[in-house]
Amino acid sequence: MVTTTLAAALARAVGVDFEIPDGGETIPLSGFAVVTGFFSVVGVVIAVALLRWSARPAARFVWTAVALTALSLVPPLISGANAATSTALVGLHLVAAAVMIPVLARSLRTRTD
């Protein structure tokens, strides 16, 4: 959550407005923390479920998380936001994935070895 929020703050500092055309609302920095936290918890739940019911939880988690990350890139691209906002949102999704996926995958490997 901290990494994503700091990256969003940096993007805002260089001029990204994070305005979504549907309603003209601007995404607040706290919104990045909340959404990242929520979906991180979803990732942990998926990891726990795979640990319980999969013979290869780490590998299955990585495949699942990468697929869900790819799907998460669609809304920023079709939101109608300007190019800077769309690009920043895609980058923030990738930042969150780059932090969470390896950490959770590693924890699944160490628990099953």
Protein backbone atom coordinates (compact mmCIF):
# COMPACT_ATOMS: atom_id res chain seq x y z
CA MET A 1 0.00 0.00 0.00
CA VAL A 2 2.83 2.35 0.89
CA THR A 3 4.72 1.72 -2.35
CA THR A 4 1.66 2.23 -4.53
CA THR A 5 0.60 5.37 -2.69
CA LEU A 6 4.12 6.83 -2.89
CA ALA A 7 4.25 6.04 -6.61
CA ALA A 8 0.86 7.75 -7.07
CA ALA A 9 2.11 10.78 -5.13
CA LEU A 10 5.18 10.93 -7.35
CA ALA A 11 3.02 10.70 -10.48
CA ARG A 12 0.78 13.48 -9.15
CA ALA A 13 3.89 15.59 -8.40
CA VAL A 14 4.98 15.35 -12.04
CA GLY A 15 1.57 16.39 -13.33
CA VAL A 16 -0.70 13.35 -13.54
CA ASP A 17 -4.17 14.51 -12.50
CA PHE A 18 -5.81 11.07 -11.94
CA GLU A 19 -9.11 12.50 -13.16
CA ILE A 20 -11.59 9.91 -14.36
CA PRO A 21 -13.96 11.33 -17.00
CA ASP A 22 -17.05 9.51 -15.69
CA GLY A 23 -18.19 12.18 -13.26
CA GLY A 24 -14.95 14.15 -13.46
CA GLU A 25 -13.76 12.90 -10.08
CA THR A 26 -10.08 12.88 -9.15
CA ILE A 27 -8.76 9.79 -7.40
CA PRO A 28 -7.40 10.84 -3.97
CA LEU A 29 -4.10 9.42 -2.73
CA SER A 30 -5.92 7.64 0.08
CA GLY A 31 -7.96 5.86 -2.59
CA PHE A 32 -4.83 4.18 -3.90
CA ALA A 33 -3.98 2.88 -0.44
CA VAL A 34 -7.49 1.57 0.21
CA VAL A 35 -7.87 -0.20 -3.13
CA THR A 36 -4.36 -1.65 -2.98
CA GLY A 37 -5.00 -2.88 0.57
CA PHE A 38 -8.31 -4.47 -0.38
CA PHE A 39 -6.92 -6.33 -3.38
CA SER A 40 -3.82 -7.35 -1.42
CA VAL A 41 -6.15 -9.02 1.07
CA VAL A 42 -7.91 -10.74 -1.83
CA GLY A 43 -4.49 -12.00 -2.96
CA VAL A 44 -3.74 -13.34 0.51
CA VAL A 45 -7.10 -15.16 0.57
CA ILE A 46 -6.34 -16.72 -2.82
CA ALA A 47 -2.88 -17.75 -1.58
CA VAL A 48 -4.32 -19.34 1.56
CA ALA A 49 -6.93 -21.21 -0.46
CA LEU A 50 -4.29 -22.52 -2.86
CA LEU A 51 -2.07 -23.52 0.05
CA ARG A 52 -4.92 -25.58 1.41
CA TRP A 53 -6.27 -27.14 -1.79
CA SER A 54 -3.45 -27.19 -4.35
CA ALA A 55 -0.54 -29.58 -4.71
CA ARG A 56 1.52 -26.72 -6.20
CA PRO A 57 0.27 -23.58 -4.45
CA ALA A 58 3.15 -21.25 -5.36
CA ALA A 59 3.02 -22.00 -9.08
CA ARG A 60 -0.77 -21.84 -9.19
CA PHE A 61 -0.73 -18.58 -7.25
CA VAL A 62 1.72 -16.96 -9.67
CA TRP A 63 -0.36 -18.00 -12.68
CA THR A 64 -3.57 -16.80 -11.03
CA ALA A 65 -2.08 -13.51 -9.85
CA VAL A 66 -0.50 -12.74 -13.23
CA ALA A 67 -3.80 -13.45 -15.00
CA LEU A 68 -5.72 -11.24 -12.54
CA THR A 69 -3.11 -8.50 -12.91
CA ALA A 70 -3.53 -8.61 -16.69
CA LEU A 71 -7.30 -8.30 -16.26
CA SER A 72 -6.82 -5.38 -13.87
CA LEU A 73 -5.08 -3.43 -16.64
CA VAL A 74 -8.25 -3.28 -18.74
CA PRO A 75 -10.27 -0.69 -16.73
CA PRO A 76 -7.55 2.00 -16.79
CA LEU A 77 -7.20 1.53 -20.53
CA ILE A 78 -10.92 1.85 -21.26
CA SER A 79 -11.75 4.50 -18.62
CA GLY A 80 -11.51 7.38 -21.07
CA ALA A 81 -8.94 9.13 -18.88
CA ASN A 82 -6.16 11.09 -20.51
CA ALA A 83 -3.01 9.26 -21.59
CA ALA A 84 -0.98 10.31 -18.53
CA THR A 85 -3.63 9.11 -16.09
CA SER A 86 -4.20 5.82 -17.93
CA THR A 87 -0.48 5.15 -18.15
CA ALA A 88 0.05 5.98 -14.48
CA LEU A 89 -2.84 3.74 -13.41
CA VAL A 90 -1.47 0.83 -15.45
CA GLY A 91 1.96 1.45 -13.90
CA LEU A 92 0.47 1.48 -10.40
CA HIS A 93 -1.24 -1.85 -11.03
CA LEU A 94 2.11 -3.27 -12.11
CA VAL A 95 3.87 -1.78 -9.06
CA ALA A 96 1.39 -3.43 -6.70
CA ALA A 97 1.75 -6.75 -8.53
CA ALA A 98 5.54 -6.51 -8.50
CA VAL A 99 5.46 -6.12 -4.73
CA MET A 100 2.73 -8.59 -3.75
CA ILE A 101 3.13 -11.52 -6.15
CA PRO A 102 6.76 -12.41 -5.31
CA VAL A 103 6.22 -12.00 -1.56
CA LEU A 104 3.16 -14.24 -1.48
CA ALA A 105 4.67 -16.80 -3.89
CA ARG A 106 7.80 -17.02 -1.74
CA SER A 107 5.73 -17.55 1.39
CA LEU A 108 3.88 -20.39 -0.32
CA ARG A 109 7.15 -22.05 -1.34
CA THR A 110 8.66 -21.89 2.14
CA ARG A 111 5.55 -23.33 3.76
CA THR A 112 5.36 -26.29 1.41
CA ASP A 113 9.06 -27.23 1.32
